[in-house]
Amino acid sequence: LGVAAAELIRQTFQNIRKVHWRQLVLIIEIFLLFFVGF
């Protein structure tokens, strides 16, 4: 499911200018892992 989610993010946000779509992936990843710590 994670592979599918990253690919959907790429397809949807690859043309935005201010933030790279890969940065969106990292934001989600950081949020999930931070929550795991609790």
Full PDB file with SEQRES, HELIX, SHEET, SSBOND, CRYST1, ORIGX, SCALE, CONECT and MASTER records, all heavy atoms in Angstrom:
SEQRES   1 A   38  LEU GLY VAL ALA ALA ALA GLU LEU ILE ARG GLN THR PHE          
SEQRES   2 A   38  GLN ASN ILE ARG LYS VAL HIS TRP ARG GLN LEU VAL LEU          
SEQRES   3 A   38  ILE ILE GLU ILE PHE LEU LEU PHE PHE VAL GLY PHE              
HELIX    1 AA1 GLY A    2  PHE A   13  1                                  12    
HELIX    2 AA2 TRP A   21  VAL A   36  1                                  16    
CRYST1    1.000    1.000    1.000  90.00  90.00  90.00 P 1           1          
ORIGX1      1.000000  0.000000  0.000000        0.00000                         
ORIGX2      0.000000  1.000000  0.000000        0.00000                         
ORIGX3      0.000000  0.000000  1.000000        0.00000                         
SCALE1      1.000000  0.000000  0.000000        0.00000                         
SCALE2      0.000000  1.000000  0.000000        0.00000                         
SCALE3      0.000000  0.000000  1.000000        0.00000                         
ATOM      1  N   LEU A   1       0.832  -1.205   0.000  1.00  0.00           N  
ATOM      2  CA  LEU A   1       0.000   0.000   0.000  1.00  0.00           C  
ATOM      3  C   LEU A   1       0.872   1.264   0.000  1.00  0.00           C  
ATOM      4  O   LEU A   1       0.511   2.275  -0.603  1.00  0.00           O  
ATOM      5  CB  LEU A   1      -0.931  -0.004   1.210  1.00  0.00           C  
ATOM      6  CG  LEU A   1      -2.049  -1.048   1.194  1.00  0.00           C  
ATOM      7  CD1 LEU A   1      -2.802  -1.045   2.520  1.00  0.00           C  
ATOM      8  CD2 LEU A   1      -3.021  -0.786   0.041  1.00  0.00           C  
ATOM      9  N   GLY A   2       2.008   1.207   0.678  1.00  0.00           N  
ATOM     10  CA  GLY A   2       2.914   2.346   0.706  1.00  0.00           C  
ATOM     11  C   GLY A   2       3.471   2.679  -0.667  1.00  0.00           C  
ATOM     12  O   GLY A   2       3.602   3.850  -1.036  1.00  0.00           O  
ATOM     13  N   VAL A   3       3.809   1.642  -1.433  1.00  0.00           N  
ATOM     14  CA  VAL A   3       4.278   1.852  -2.806  1.00  0.00           C  
ATOM     15  C   VAL A   3       3.191   2.537  -3.634  1.00  0.00           C  
ATOM     16  O   VAL A   3       3.462   3.503  -4.371  1.00  0.00           O  
ATOM     17  CB  VAL A   3       4.682   0.511  -3.451  1.00  0.00           C  
ATOM     18  CG1 VAL A   3       4.959   0.702  -4.939  1.00  0.00           C  
ATOM     19  CG2 VAL A   3       5.899  -0.073  -2.750  1.00  0.00           C  
ATOM     20  N   ALA A   4       1.968   2.047  -3.506  1.00  0.00           N  
ATOM     21  CA  ALA A   4       0.848   2.632  -4.252  1.00  0.00           C  
ATOM     22  C   ALA A   4       0.618   4.081  -3.839  1.00  0.00           C  
ATOM     23  O   ALA A   4       0.358   4.953  -4.682  1.00  0.00           O  
ATOM     24  CB  ALA A   4      -0.413   1.802  -4.022  1.00  0.00           C  
ATOM     25  N   ALA A   5       0.714   4.366  -2.534  1.00  0.00           N  
ATOM     26  CA  ALA A   5       0.488   5.730  -2.047  1.00  0.00           C  
ATOM     27  C   ALA A   5       1.533   6.691  -2.617  1.00  0.00           C  
ATOM     28  O   ALA A   5       1.201   7.805  -3.044  1.00  0.00           O  
ATOM     29  CB  ALA A   5       0.528   5.742  -0.524  1.00  0.00           C  
ATOM     30  N   ALA A   6       2.802   6.285  -2.614  1.00  0.00           N  
ATOM     31  CA  ALA A   6       3.859   7.146  -3.147  1.00  0.00           C  
ATOM     32  C   ALA A   6       3.656   7.409  -4.628  1.00  0.00           C  
ATOM     33  O   ALA A   6       3.875   8.530  -5.109  1.00  0.00           O  
ATOM     34  CB  ALA A   6       5.225   6.496  -2.911  1.00  0.00           C  
ATOM     35  N   GLU A   7       3.234   6.403  -5.351  1.00  0.00           N  
ATOM     36  CA  GLU A   7       3.012   6.577  -6.788  1.00  0.00           C  
ATOM     37  C   GLU A   7       1.836   7.499  -7.060  1.00  0.00           C  
ATOM     38  O   GLU A   7       1.873   8.321  -7.983  1.00  0.00           O  
ATOM     39  CB  GLU A   7       2.783   5.210  -7.439  1.00  0.00           C  
ATOM     40  CG  GLU A   7       2.678   5.241  -8.950  1.00  0.00           C  
ATOM     41  CD  GLU A   7       3.923   5.751  -9.636  1.00  0.00           C  
ATOM     42  OE1 GLU A   7       5.003   5.799  -8.993  1.00  0.00           O  
ATOM     43  OE2 GLU A   7       3.834   6.144 -10.823  1.00  0.00           O  
ATOM     44  N   LEU A   8       0.790   7.404  -6.255  1.00  0.00           N  
ATOM     45  CA  LEU A   8      -0.357   8.308  -6.405  1.00  0.00           C  
ATOM     46  C   LEU A   8       0.042   9.750  -6.091  1.00  0.00           C  
ATOM     47  O   LEU A   8      -0.422  10.683  -6.752  1.00  0.00           O  
ATOM     48  CB  LEU A   8      -1.498   7.853  -5.484  1.00  0.00           C  
ATOM     49  CG  LEU A   8      -2.223   6.568  -5.898  1.00  0.00           C  
ATOM     50  CD1 LEU A   8      -3.220   6.148  -4.823  1.00  0.00           C  
ATOM     51  CD2 LEU A   8      -2.945   6.753  -7.233  1.00  0.00           C  
ATOM     52  N   ILE A   9       0.892   9.936  -5.081  1.00  0.00           N  
ATOM     53  CA  ILE A   9       1.383  11.278  -4.755  1.00  0.00           C  
ATOM     54  C   ILE A   9       2.178  11.840  -5.932  1.00  0.00           C  
ATOM     55  O   ILE A   9       2.044  13.008  -6.295  1.00  0.00           O  
ATOM     56  CB  ILE A   9       2.244  11.240  -3.479  1.00  0.00           C  
ATOM     57  CG1 ILE A   9       1.358  10.949  -2.261  1.00  0.00           C  
ATOM     58  CG2 ILE A   9       2.991  12.562  -3.280  1.00  0.00           C  
ATOM     59  CD1 ILE A   9       2.135  10.720  -0.983  1.00  0.00           C  
ATOM     60  N   ARG A  10       3.027  11.007  -6.537  1.00  0.00           N  
ATOM     61  CA  ARG A  10       3.813  11.453  -7.701  1.00  0.00           C  
ATOM     62  C   ARG A  10       2.895  11.868  -8.845  1.00  0.00           C  
ATOM     63  O   ARG A  10       3.103  12.929  -9.463  1.00  0.00           O  
ATOM     64  CB  ARG A  10       4.754  10.339  -8.170  1.00  0.00           C  
ATOM     65  CG  ARG A  10       5.665  10.763  -9.326  1.00  0.00           C  
ATOM     66  CD  ARG A  10       6.374   9.571  -9.928  1.00  0.00           C  
ATOM     67  NE  ARG A  10       5.451   8.703 -10.632  1.00  0.00           N  
ATOM     68  CZ  ARG A  10       4.991   8.918 -11.866  1.00  0.00           C  
ATOM     69  NH1 ARG A  10       5.360   9.990 -12.531  1.00  0.00           N  
ATOM     70  NH2 ARG A  10       4.151   8.059 -12.425  1.00  0.00           N  
ATOM     71  N   GLN A  11       1.906  11.055  -9.141  1.00  0.00           N  
ATOM     72  CA  GLN A  11       1.007  11.351 -10.255  1.00  0.00           C  
ATOM     73  C   GLN A  11       0.198  12.617 -10.012  1.00  0.00           C  
ATOM     74  O   GLN A  11      -0.114  13.354 -10.952  1.00  0.00           O  
ATOM     75  CB  GLN A  11       0.068  10.163 -10.475  1.00  0.00           C  
ATOM     76  CG  GLN A  11       0.755   8.889 -10.957  1.00  0.00           C  
ATOM     77  CD  GLN A  11      -0.179   7.697 -11.001  1.00  0.00           C  
ATOM     78  OE1 GLN A  11      -1.368   7.806 -10.684  1.00  0.00           O  
ATOM     79  NE2 GLN A  11       0.344   6.544 -11.391  1.00  0.00           N  
ATOM     80  N   THR A  12      -0.128  12.881  -8.760  1.00  0.00           N  
ATOM     81  CA  THR A  12      -0.997  14.020  -8.431  1.00  0.00           C  
ATOM     82  C   THR A  12      -0.236  15.324  -8.262  1.00  0.00           C  
ATOM     83  O   THR A  12      -0.700  16.387  -8.681  1.00  0.00           O  
ATOM     84  CB  THR A  12      -1.780  13.717  -7.134  1.00  0.00           C  
ATOM     85  OG1 THR A  12      -2.478  12.469  -7.273  1.00  0.00           O  
ATOM     86  CG2 THR A  12      -2.783  14.828  -6.854  1.00  0.00           C  
ATOM     87  N   PHE A  13       0.963  15.270  -7.674  1.00  0.00           N  
ATOM     88  CA  PHE A  13       1.653  16.491  -7.265  1.00  0.00           C  
ATOM     89  C   PHE A  13       2.995  16.710  -7.960  1.00  0.00           C  
ATOM     90  O   PHE A  13       3.748  17.596  -7.556  1.00  0.00           O  
ATOM     91  CB  PHE A  13       1.888  16.472  -5.747  1.00  0.00           C  
ATOM     92  CG  PHE A  13       0.630  16.411  -4.938  1.00  0.00           C  
ATOM     93  CD1 PHE A  13       0.250  15.222  -4.327  1.00  0.00           C  
ATOM     94  CD2 PHE A  13      -0.178  17.521  -4.782  1.00  0.00           C  
ATOM     95  CE1 PHE A  13      -0.911  15.143  -3.572  1.00  0.00           C  
ATOM     96  CE2 PHE A  13      -1.343  17.459  -4.039  1.00  0.00           C  
ATOM     97  CZ  PHE A  13      -1.716  16.263  -3.421  1.00  0.00           C  
ATOM     98  N   GLN A  14       3.313  15.971  -9.005  1.00  0.00           N  
ATOM     99  CA  GLN A  14       4.640  16.096  -9.599  1.00  0.00           C  
ATOM    100  C   GLN A  14       4.865  17.427 -10.310  1.00  0.00           C  
ATOM    101  O   GLN A  14       6.018  17.809 -10.579  1.00  0.00           O  
ATOM    102  CB  GLN A  14       4.892  14.948 -10.580  1.00  0.00           C  
ATOM    103  CG  GLN A  14       3.963  14.927 -11.774  1.00  0.00           C  
ATOM    104  CD  GLN A  14       4.286  13.765 -12.714  1.00  0.00           C  
ATOM    105  OE1 GLN A  14       5.394  13.233 -12.696  1.00  0.00           O  
ATOM    106  NE2 GLN A  14       3.323  13.362 -13.525  1.00  0.00           N  
ATOM    107  N   ASN A  15       3.807  18.159 -10.600  1.00  0.00           N  
ATOM    108  CA  ASN A  15       3.954  19.428 -11.325  1.00  0.00           C  
ATOM    109  C   ASN A  15       3.890  20.666 -10.431  1.00  0.00           C  
ATOM    110  O   ASN A  15       3.972  21.789 -10.930  1.00  0.00           O  
ATOM    111  CB  ASN A  15       2.874  19.531 -12.404  1.00  0.00           C  
ATOM    112  CG  ASN A  15       3.064  18.496 -13.499  1.00  0.00           C  
ATOM    113  OD1 ASN A  15       4.192  18.180 -13.876  1.00  0.00           O  
ATOM    114  ND2 ASN A  15       1.963  17.953 -14.002  1.00  0.00           N  
ATOM    115  N   ILE A  16       3.749  20.482  -9.115  1.00  0.00           N  
ATOM    116  CA  ILE A  16       3.712  21.656  -8.244  1.00  0.00           C  
ATOM    117  C   ILE A  16       5.104  22.259  -8.134  1.00  0.00           C  
ATOM    118  O   ILE A  16       6.107  21.560  -8.263  1.00  0.00           O  
ATOM    119  CB  ILE A  16       3.155  21.307  -6.850  1.00  0.00           C  
ATOM    120  CG1 ILE A  16       4.038  20.268  -6.144  1.00  0.00           C  
ATOM    121  CG2 ILE A  16       1.744  20.816  -6.943  1.00  0.00           C  
ATOM    122  CD1 ILE A  16       3.599  19.985  -4.726  1.00  0.00           C  
ATOM    123  N   ARG A  17       5.205  23.560  -7.868  1.00  0.00           N  
ATOM    124  CA  ARG A  17       6.467  24.281  -7.960  1.00  0.00           C  
ATOM    125  C   ARG A  17       7.151  24.474  -6.600  1.00  0.00           C  
ATOM    126  O   ARG A  17       8.341  24.263  -6.479  1.00  0.00           O  
ATOM    127  CB  ARG A  17       6.220  25.664  -8.586  1.00  0.00           C  
ATOM    128  CG  ARG A  17       5.619  25.615  -9.969  1.00  0.00           C  
ATOM    129  CD  ARG A  17       6.627  25.205 -11.011  1.00  0.00           C  
ATOM    130  NE  ARG A  17       7.740  26.131 -11.083  1.00  0.00           N  
ATOM    131  CZ  ARG A  17       8.800  25.942 -11.857  1.00  0.00           C  
ATOM    132  NH1 ARG A  17       8.879  24.843 -12.606  1.00  0.00           N  
ATOM    133  NH2 ARG A  17       9.784  26.829 -11.885  1.00  0.00           N  
ATOM    134  N   LYS A  18       6.413  24.888  -5.586  1.00  0.00           N  
ATOM    135  CA  LYS A  18       7.034  25.317  -4.344  1.00  0.00           C  
ATOM    136  C   LYS A  18       7.624  24.157  -3.544  1.00  0.00           C  
ATOM    137  O   LYS A  18       8.644  24.320  -2.873  1.00  0.00           O  
ATOM    138  CB  LYS A  18       6.011  26.078  -3.486  1.00  0.00           C  
ATOM    139  CG  LYS A  18       5.601  27.412  -4.104  1.00  0.00           C  
ATOM    140  CD  LYS A  18       4.681  28.183  -3.179  1.00  0.00           C  
ATOM    141  CE  LYS A  18       4.325  29.540  -3.766  1.00  0.00           C  
ATOM    142  NZ  LYS A  18       3.427  30.306  -2.884  1.00  0.00           N  
ATOM    143  N   VAL A  19       6.979  23.005  -3.556  1.00  0.00           N  
ATOM    144  CA  VAL A  19       7.441  21.841  -2.811  1.00  0.00           C  
ATOM    145  C   VAL A  19       7.505  20.657  -3.760  1.00  0.00           C  
ATOM    146  O   VAL A  19       6.570  20.418  -4.526  1.00  0.00           O  
ATOM    147  CB  VAL A  19       6.498  21.513  -1.624  1.00  0.00           C  
ATOM    148  CG1 VAL A  19       6.988  20.281  -0.869  1.00  0.00           C  
ATOM    149  CG2 VAL A  19       6.412  22.700  -0.671  1.00  0.00           C  
ATOM    150  N   HIS A  20       8.607  19.930  -3.706  1.00  0.00           N  
ATOM    151  CA  HIS A  20       8.758  18.745  -4.560  1.00  0.00           C  
ATOM    152  C   HIS A  20       7.854  17.633  -4.038  1.00  0.00           C  
ATOM    153  O   HIS A  20       7.655  17.497  -2.822  1.00  0.00           O  
ATOM    154  CB  HIS A  20      10.222  18.294  -4.539  1.00  0.00           C  
ATOM    155  CG  HIS A  20      10.577  17.374  -5.659  1.00  0.00           C  
ATOM    156  ND1 HIS A  20      10.215  16.042  -5.682  1.00  0.00           N  
ATOM    157  CD2 HIS A  20      11.259  17.579  -6.813  1.00  0.00           C  
ATOM    158  CE1 HIS A  20      10.665  15.472  -6.781  1.00  0.00           C  
ATOM    159  NE2 HIS A  20      11.298  16.397  -7.488  1.00  0.00           N  
ATOM    160  N   TRP A  21       7.308  16.827  -4.934  1.00  0.00           N  
ATOM    161  CA  TRP A  21       6.403  15.764  -4.496  1.00  0.00           C  
ATOM    162  C   TRP A  21       7.105  14.771  -3.570  1.00  0.00           C  
ATOM    163  O   TRP A  21       6.472  14.189  -2.679  1.00  0.00           O  
ATOM    164  CB  TRP A  21       5.793  15.038  -5.698  1.00  0.00           C  
ATOM    165  CG  TRP A  21       6.748  14.207  -6.511  1.00  0.00           C  
ATOM    166  CD1 TRP A  21       7.472  14.596  -7.587  1.00  0.00           C  
ATOM    167  CD2 TRP A  21       7.067  12.822  -6.299  1.00  0.00           C  
ATOM    168  NE1 TRP A  21       8.236  13.565  -8.066  1.00  0.00           N  
ATOM    169  CE2 TRP A  21       8.001  12.455  -7.305  1.00  0.00           C  
ATOM    170  CE3 TRP A  21       6.667  11.859  -5.380  1.00  0.00           C  
ATOM    171  CZ2 TRP A  21       8.535  11.170  -7.395  1.00  0.00           C  
ATOM    172  CZ3 TRP A  21       7.191  10.578  -5.471  1.00  0.00           C  
ATOM    173  CH2 TRP A  21       8.113  10.239  -6.464  1.00  0.00           C  
ATOM    174  N   ARG A  22       8.417  14.591  -3.743  1.00  0.00           N  
ATOM    175  CA  ARG A  22       9.153  13.698  -2.842  1.00  0.00           C  
ATOM    176  C   ARG A  22       9.213  14.264  -1.424  1.00  0.00           C  
ATOM    177  O   ARG A  22       9.277  13.509  -0.450  1.00  0.00           O  
ATOM    178  CB  ARG A  22      10.565  13.458  -3.382  1.00  0.00           C  
ATOM    179  CG  ARG A  22      10.591  12.619  -4.661  1.00  0.00           C  
ATOM    180  CD  ARG A  22      12.018  12.259  -5.050  1.00  0.00           C  
ATOM    181  NE  ARG A  22      12.064  11.416  -6.230  1.00  0.00           N  
ATOM    182  CZ  ARG A  22      12.253  11.843  -7.473  1.00  0.00           C  
ATOM    183  NH1 ARG A  22      12.408  13.155  -7.681  1.00  0.00           N  
ATOM    184  NH2 ARG A  22      12.290  11.020  -8.484  1.00  0.00           N  
ATOM    185  N   GLN A  23       9.187  15.584  -1.310  1.00  0.00           N  
ATOM    186  CA  GLN A  23       9.150  16.189   0.016  1.00  0.00           C  
ATOM    187  C   GLN A  23       7.822  15.907   0.701  1.00  0.00           C  
ATOM    188  O   GLN A  23       7.774  15.732   1.926  1.00  0.00           O  
ATOM    189  CB  GLN A  23       9.387  17.696  -0.084  1.00  0.00           C  
ATOM    190  CG  GLN A  23      10.834  18.051  -0.421  1.00  0.00           C  
ATOM    191  CD  GLN A  23      11.028  19.542  -0.568  1.00  0.00           C  
ATOM    192  OE1 GLN A  23      10.447  20.163  -1.442  1.00  0.00           O  
ATOM    193  NE2 GLN A  23      11.850  20.124   0.289  1.00  0.00           N  
ATOM    194  N   LEU A  24       6.753  15.840  -0.074  1.00  0.00           N  
ATOM    195  CA  LEU A  24       5.454  15.461   0.500  1.00  0.00           C  
ATOM    196  C   LEU A  24       5.505  14.047   1.051  1.00  0.00           C  
ATOM    197  O   LEU A  24       4.945  13.751   2.110  1.00  0.00           O  
ATOM    198  CB  LEU A  24       4.359  15.572  -0.565  1.00  0.00           C  
ATOM    199  CG  LEU A  24       4.093  16.964  -1.136  1.00  0.00           C  
ATOM    200  CD1 LEU A  24       3.008  16.903  -2.200  1.00  0.00           C  
ATOM    201  CD2 LEU A  24       3.685  17.928  -0.029  1.00  0.00           C  
ATOM    202  N   VAL A  25       6.186  13.164   0.333  1.00  0.00           N  
ATOM    203  CA  VAL A  25       6.360  11.785   0.810  1.00  0.00           C  
ATOM    204  C   VAL A  25       7.094  11.784   2.144  1.00  0.00           C  
ATOM    205  O   VAL A  25       6.713  11.082   3.093  1.00  0.00           O  
ATOM    206  CB  VAL A  25       7.125  10.940  -0.232  1.00  0.00           C  
ATOM    207  CG1 VAL A  25       7.543   9.592   0.359  1.00  0.00           C  
ATOM    208  CG2 VAL A  25       6.263  10.717  -1.470  1.00  0.00           C  
ATOM    209  N   LEU A  26       8.166  12.587   2.245  1.00  0.00           N  
ATOM    210  CA  LEU A  26       8.935  12.636   3.486  1.00  0.00           C  
ATOM    211  C   LEU A  26       8.128  13.223   4.634  1.00  0.00           C  
ATOM    212  O   LEU A  26       8.250  12.770   5.781  1.00  0.00           O  
ATOM    213  CB  LEU A  26      10.213  13.448   3.276  1.00  0.00           C  
ATOM    214  CG  LEU A  26      11.295  12.799   2.413  1.00  0.00           C  
ATOM    215  CD1 LEU A  26      12.511  13.717   2.305  1.00  0.00           C  
ATOM    216  CD2 LEU A  26      11.710  11.450   2.989  1.00  0.00           C  
ATOM    217  N   ILE A  27       7.294  14.215   4.350  1.00  0.00           N  
ATOM    218  CA  ILE A  27       6.457  14.805   5.404  1.00  0.00           C  
ATOM    219  C   ILE A  27       5.539  13.742   5.992  1.00  0.00           C  
ATOM    220  O   ILE A  27       5.395  13.618   7.215  1.00  0.00           O  
ATOM    221  CB  ILE A  27       5.631  15.973   4.834  1.00  0.00           C  
ATOM    222  CG1 ILE A  27       6.544  17.163   4.520  1.00  0.00           C  
ATOM    223  CG2 ILE A  27       4.556  16.402   5.833  1.00  0.00           C  
ATOM    224  CD1 ILE A  27       5.844  18.283   3.789  1.00  0.00           C  
ATOM    225  N   ILE A  28       4.889  12.966   5.115  1.00  0.00           N  
ATOM    226  CA  ILE A  28       3.994  11.900   5.584  1.00  0.00           C  
ATOM    227  C   ILE A  28       4.776  10.856   6.365  1.00  0.00           C  
ATOM    228  O   ILE A  28       4.340  10.383   7.426  1.00  0.00           O  
ATOM    229  CB  ILE A  28       3.272  11.253   4.384  1.00  0.00           C  
ATOM    230  CG1 ILE A  28       2.367  12.278   3.698  1.00  0.00           C  
ATOM    231  CG2 ILE A  28       2.456  10.038   4.828  1.00  0.00           C  
ATOM    232  CD1 ILE A  28       1.765  11.796   2.401  1.00  0.00           C  
ATOM    233  N   GLU A  29       5.952  10.493   5.850  1.00  0.00           N  
ATOM    234  CA  GLU A  29       6.777   9.480   6.517  1.00  0.00           C  
ATOM    235  C   GLU A  29       7.204   9.951   7.901  1.00  0.00           C  
ATOM    236  O   GLU A  29       7.135   9.179   8.873  1.00  0.00           O  
ATOM    237  CB  GLU A  29       8.001   9.175   5.660  1.00  0.00           C  
ATOM    238  CG  GLU A  29       8.820   8.009   6.181  1.00  0.00           C  
ATOM    239  CD  GLU A  29       9.986   7.651   5.271  1.00  0.00           C  
ATOM    240  OE1 GLU A  29      10.146   8.309   4.213  1.00  0.00           O  
ATOM    241  OE2 GLU A  29      10.730   6.726   5.621  1.00  0.00           O  
ATOM    242  N   ILE A  30       7.644  11.186   8.015  1.00  0.00           N  
ATOM    243  CA  ILE A  30       8.060  11.730   9.314  1.00  0.00           C  
ATOM    244  C   ILE A  30       6.901  11.723  10.301  1.00  0.00           C  
ATOM    245  O   ILE A  30       7.055  11.350  11.467  1.00  0.00           O  
ATOM    246  CB  ILE A  30       8.625  13.153   9.139  1.00  0.00           C  
ATOM    247  CG1 ILE A  30       9.957  13.106   8.389  1.00  0.00           C  
ATOM    248  CG2 ILE A  30       8.805  13.834  10.492  1.00  0.00           C  
ATOM    249  CD1 ILE A  30      10.468  14.462   7.951  1.00  0.00           C  
ATOM    250  N   PHE A  31       5.732  12.126   9.830  1.00  0.00           N  
ATOM    251  CA  PHE A  31       4.544  12.158  10.697  1.00  0.00           C  
ATOM    252  C   PHE A  31       4.204  10.752  11.201  1.00  0.00           C  
ATOM    253  O   PHE A  31       3.940  10.552  12.392  1.00  0.00           O  
ATOM    254  CB  PHE A  31       3.365  12.749   9.917  1.00  0.00           C  
ATOM    255  CG  PHE A  31       2.061  12.700  10.673  1.00  0.00           C  
ATOM    256  CD1 PHE A  31       1.781  13.640  11.653  1.00  0.00           C  
ATOM    257  CD2 PHE A  31       1.124  11.712  10.404  1.00  0.00           C  
ATOM    258  CE1 PHE A  31       0.581  13.596  12.358  1.00  0.00           C  
ATOM    259  CE2 PHE A  31      -0.072  11.659  11.100  1.00  0.00           C  
ATOM    260  CZ  PHE A  31      -0.342  12.600  12.087  1.00  0.00           C  
ATOM    261  N   LEU A  32       4.208   9.775  10.306  1.00  0.00           N  
ATOM    262  CA  LEU A  32       3.865   8.409  10.697  1.00  0.00           C  
ATOM    263  C   LEU A  32       4.863   7.839  11.706  1.00  0.00           C  
ATOM    264  O   LEU A  32       4.479   7.233  12.712  1.00  0.00           O  
ATOM    265  CB  LEU A  32       3.822   7.510   9.455  1.00  0.00           C  
ATOM    266  CG  LEU A  32       2.681   7.746   8.465  1.00  0.00           C  
ATOM    267  CD1 LEU A  32       2.846   6.864   7.234  1.00  0.00           C  
ATOM    268  CD2 LEU A  32       1.333   7.492   9.119  1.00  0.00           C  
ATOM    269  N   LEU A  33       6.162   8.037  11.439  1.00  0.00           N  
ATOM    270  CA  LEU A  33       7.180   7.488  12.327  1.00  0.00           C  
ATOM    271  C   LEU A  33       7.191   8.193  13.680  1.00  0.00           C  
ATOM    272  O   LEU A  33       7.462   7.563  14.709  1.00  0.00           O  
ATOM    273  CB  LEU A  33       8.554   7.586  11.666  1.00  0.00           C  
ATOM    274  CG  LEU A  33       8.732   6.769  10.381  1.00  0.00           C  
ATOM    275  CD1 LEU A  33      10.153   6.946   9.837  1.00  0.00           C  
ATOM    276  CD2 LEU A  33       8.432   5.299  10.614  1.00  0.00           C  
ATOM    277  N   PHE A  34       6.901   9.474  13.683  1.00  0.00           N  
ATOM    278  CA  PHE A  34       6.813  10.198  14.949  1.00  0.00           C  
ATOM    279  C   PHE A  34       5.687   9.640  15.807  1.00  0.00           C  
ATOM    280  O   PHE A  34       5.838   9.453  17.024  1.00  0.00           O  
ATOM    281  CB  PHE A  34       6.594  11.690  14.685  1.00  0.00           C  
ATOM    282  CG  PHE A  34       6.590  12.525  15.936  1.00  0.00           C  
ATOM    283  CD1 PHE A  34       7.779  12.837  16.583  1.00  0.00           C  
ATOM    284  CD2 PHE A  34       5.407  13.007  16.463  1.00  0.00           C  
ATOM    285  CE1 PHE A  34       7.793  13.614  17.742  1.00  0.00           C  
ATOM    286  CE2 PHE A  34       5.403  13.777  17.618  1.00  0.00           C  
ATOM    287  CZ  PHE A  34       6.597  14.074  18.260  1.00  0.00           C  
ATOM    288  N   PHE A  35       4.558   9.330  15.173  1.00  0.00           N  
ATOM    289  CA  PHE A  35       3.413   8.767  15.890  1.00  0.00           C  
ATOM    290  C   PHE A  35       3.734   7.362  16.408  1.00  0.00           C  
ATOM    291  O   PHE A  35       3.299   6.981  17.496  1.00  0.00           O  
ATOM    292  CB  PHE A  35       2.194   8.734  14.969  1.00  0.00           C  
ATOM    293  CG  PHE A  35       0.924   8.342  15.658  1.00  0.00           C  
ATOM    294  CD1 PHE A  35       0.315   9.194  16.554  1.00  0.00           C  
ATOM    295  CD2 PHE A  35       0.341   7.107  15.419  1.00  0.00           C  
ATOM    296  CE1 PHE A  35      -0.857   8.829  17.207  1.00  0.00           C  
ATOM    297  CE2 PHE A  35      -0.831   6.728  16.055  1.00  0.00           C  
ATOM    298  CZ  PHE A  35      -1.423   7.605  16.961  1.00  0.00           C  
ATOM    299  N   VAL A  36       4.515   6.599  15.635  1.00  0.00           N  
ATOM    300  CA  VAL A  36       4.902   5.247  16.041  1.00  0.00           C  
ATOM    301  C   VAL A  36       5.670   5.284  17.362  1.00  0.00           C  
ATOM    302  O   VAL A  36       5.548   4.368  18.188  1.00  0.00           O  
ATOM    303  CB  VAL A  36       5.751   4.575  14.941  1.00  0.00           C  
ATOM    304  CG1 VAL A  36       6.442   3.315  15.461  1.00  0.00           C  
ATOM    305  CG2 VAL A  36       4.871   4.208  13.748  1.00  0.00           C  
ATOM    306  N   GLY A  37       6.451   6.325  17.566  1.00  0.00           N  
ATOM    307  CA  GLY A  37       7.242   6.433  18.787  1.00  0.00           C  
ATOM    308  C   GLY A  37       6.416   6.462  20.055  1.00  0.00           C  
ATOM    309  O   GLY A  37       6.939   6.185  21.145  1.00  0.00           O  
ATOM    310  N   PHE A  38       5.137   6.804  19.962  1.00  0.00           N  
ATOM    311  CA  PHE A  38       4.265   6.849  21.133  1.00  0.00           C  
ATOM    312  C   PHE A  38       3.576   5.512  21.400  1.00  0.00           C  
ATOM    313  O   PHE A  38       2.949   5.350  22.452  1.00  0.00           O  
ATOM    314  CB  PHE A  38       3.185   7.923  20.942  1.00  0.00           C  
ATOM    315  CG  PHE A  38       3.711   9.329  20.988  1.00  0.00           C  
ATOM    316  CD1 PHE A  38       3.835  10.068  19.835  1.00  0.00           C  
ATOM    317  CD2 PHE A  38       4.100   9.913  22.193  1.00  0.00           C  
ATOM    318  CE1 PHE A  38       4.310  11.375  19.863  1.00  0.00           C  
ATOM    319  CE2 PHE A  38       4.576  11.213  22.229  1.00  0.00           C  
ATOM    320  CZ  PHE A  38       4.686  11.943  21.059  1.00  0.00           C  
TER     321      PHE A  38                                                      
MASTER        0    0    0    2    0    0    0    6  320    1    0    3          
END                                                                             
